[in-house]
Amino acid sequence: MAEDKQEIEPSHGPVERSQGGPTGSGDSPRHHQEKVGIVTSAKMQKTIVVEVHRRVQHPVYKRIVTKRSKFMVHDEHKKAHEGDMVRIVESRPLSKNKRWTLKEVLREATTGV
């Protein structure tokens, strides 16, 4: 009975994976997530902590709630300081907790007296 079964081949031909996308290494750019937040800590070497706030609707009470997330961000050239508003972009894992890279400093912190 097992000898009677035939292998069915797909009708669309072979699949080419060299044209880019997530599995290939083509020229198409990858779209990484970007977030904007405030630097809360810049005390580590080449690492900053960015806090991102977002407003979402509560699923039961339908009220707008502010949620926050903290991200460990790679800052190679120590451009960002505490209080700066920055844009971050996701990247490959750089350490245990670091999966984001600093893209640009949008607004520098105003220093008081």
Protein backbone atom coordinates (compact mmCIF):
# COMPACT_ATOMS: atom_id res chain seq x y z
CA MET A 1 0.00 0.00 0.00
CA ALA A 2 2.89 2.36 0.71
CA GLU A 3 4.31 1.71 -2.79
CA ASP A 4 1.15 3.06 -4.48
CA LYS A 5 1.51 6.58 -3.08
CA GLN A 6 3.04 9.15 -5.42
CA GLU A 7 4.99 12.22 -4.48
CA ILE A 8 3.07 15.32 -5.46
CA GLU A 9 5.29 18.18 -6.62
CA PRO A 10 4.13 21.79 -6.44
CA SER A 11 2.90 23.22 -9.71
CA HIS A 12 4.60 26.60 -9.29
CA GLY A 13 8.19 25.41 -9.74
CA PRO A 14 11.22 25.91 -7.52
CA VAL A 15 11.31 28.66 -4.92
CA GLU A 16 14.15 31.16 -5.25
CA ARG A 17 15.36 32.63 -1.98
CA SER A 18 18.14 34.88 -3.29
CA GLN A 19 15.92 37.86 -4.11
CA GLY A 20 15.97 39.51 -0.68
CA GLY A 21 13.43 39.66 2.07
CA PRO A 22 13.86 38.21 5.55
CA THR A 23 15.46 34.96 4.36
CA GLY A 24 17.67 36.28 1.56
CA SER A 25 20.51 38.75 1.38
CA GLY A 26 19.18 40.97 -1.40
CA ASP A 27 19.18 44.72 -1.82
CA SER A 28 15.69 45.37 -0.43
CA PRO A 29 15.82 47.40 2.82
CA ARG A 30 14.48 45.90 6.00
CA HIS A 31 11.83 47.86 7.87
CA HIS A 32 12.76 48.08 11.51
CA GLN A 33 10.52 49.47 14.21
CA GLU A 34 11.25 53.02 15.33
CA LYS A 35 10.27 54.66 18.61
CA VAL A 36 10.69 58.12 20.15
CA GLY A 37 11.39 58.53 23.85
CA ILE A 38 13.24 60.37 26.60
CA VAL A 39 16.67 59.29 27.89
CA THR A 40 16.35 58.45 31.58
CA SER A 41 19.89 57.18 32.19
CA ALA A 42 23.19 57.67 30.37
CA LYS A 43 25.55 56.39 33.05
CA MET A 44 26.69 53.21 31.28
CA GLN A 45 29.36 52.96 28.62
CA LYS A 46 27.81 52.97 25.12
CA THR A 47 24.35 52.24 26.57
CA ILE A 48 21.44 54.51 27.42
CA VAL A 49 18.02 53.78 28.87
CA VAL A 50 15.11 55.29 26.94
CA GLU A 51 11.57 55.52 28.31
CA VAL A 52 8.81 55.46 25.70
CA HIS A 53 5.24 56.51 26.59
CA ARG A 54 2.20 55.40 24.60
CA ARG A 55 -1.50 56.05 25.05
CA VAL A 56 -3.86 53.09 24.67
CA GLN A 57 -7.53 52.53 25.32
CA HIS A 58 -8.36 50.30 28.30
CA PRO A 59 -10.04 47.12 27.01
CA VAL A 60 -12.83 47.09 29.64
CA TYR A 61 -13.30 50.68 30.79
CA LYS A 62 -12.59 52.35 27.40
CA ARG A 63 -10.56 55.12 29.04
CA ILE A 64 -7.26 56.35 27.62
CA VAL A 65 -4.37 55.02 29.73
CA THR A 66 -0.70 56.00 29.46
CA LYS A 67 1.69 53.05 29.42
CA ARG A 68 5.47 53.25 29.49
CA SER A 69 8.29 50.95 28.43
CA LYS A 70 12.01 51.17 29.07
CA PHE A 71 14.50 50.13 26.42
CA MET A 72 18.24 49.57 26.67
CA VAL A 73 19.73 51.35 23.65
CA HIS A 74 23.19 51.15 22.10
CA ASP A 75 24.83 54.60 21.85
CA GLU A 76 28.23 54.03 20.23
CA HIS A 77 29.49 57.63 20.30
CA LYS A 78 27.83 58.82 23.57
CA LYS A 79 25.77 61.46 21.72
CA ALA A 80 22.70 61.30 23.99
CA HIS A 81 22.51 62.64 27.52
CA GLU A 82 19.91 62.37 30.26
CA GLY A 83 16.71 64.25 29.38
CA ASP A 84 17.25 64.24 25.60
CA MET A 85 14.45 63.21 23.25
CA VAL A 86 15.79 60.54 20.90
CA ARG A 87 14.67 58.29 18.05
CA ILE A 88 15.66 54.62 18.41
CA VAL A 89 15.49 51.77 15.90
CA GLU A 90 15.40 48.05 16.59
CA SER A 91 18.49 46.01 15.75
CA ARG A 92 19.97 42.59 16.28
CA PRO A 93 20.55 41.51 19.88
CA LEU A 94 23.68 43.26 21.13
CA SER A 95 23.62 41.94 24.70
CA LYS A 96 21.24 40.26 27.11
CA ASN A 97 18.84 43.23 27.24
CA LYS A 98 20.02 45.50 24.40
CA ARG A 99 18.05 45.20 21.12
CA TRP A 100 17.81 48.87 20.08
CA THR A 101 20.24 51.37 18.54
CA LEU A 102 20.25 55.17 18.73
CA LYS A 103 19.27 56.69 15.39
CA GLU A 104 19.28 60.42 16.19
CA VAL A 105 18.92 62.97 18.96
CA LEU A 106 15.74 64.92 18.25
CA ARG A 107 15.91 67.50 21.05
CA GLU A 108 18.59 68.11 23.63
CA ALA A 109 17.67 68.56 27.27
CA THR A 110 17.40 72.07 28.59
CA THR A 111 19.81 72.49 31.49
CA GLY A 112 18.61 74.51 34.45
CA VAL A 113 20.57 76.79 36.81
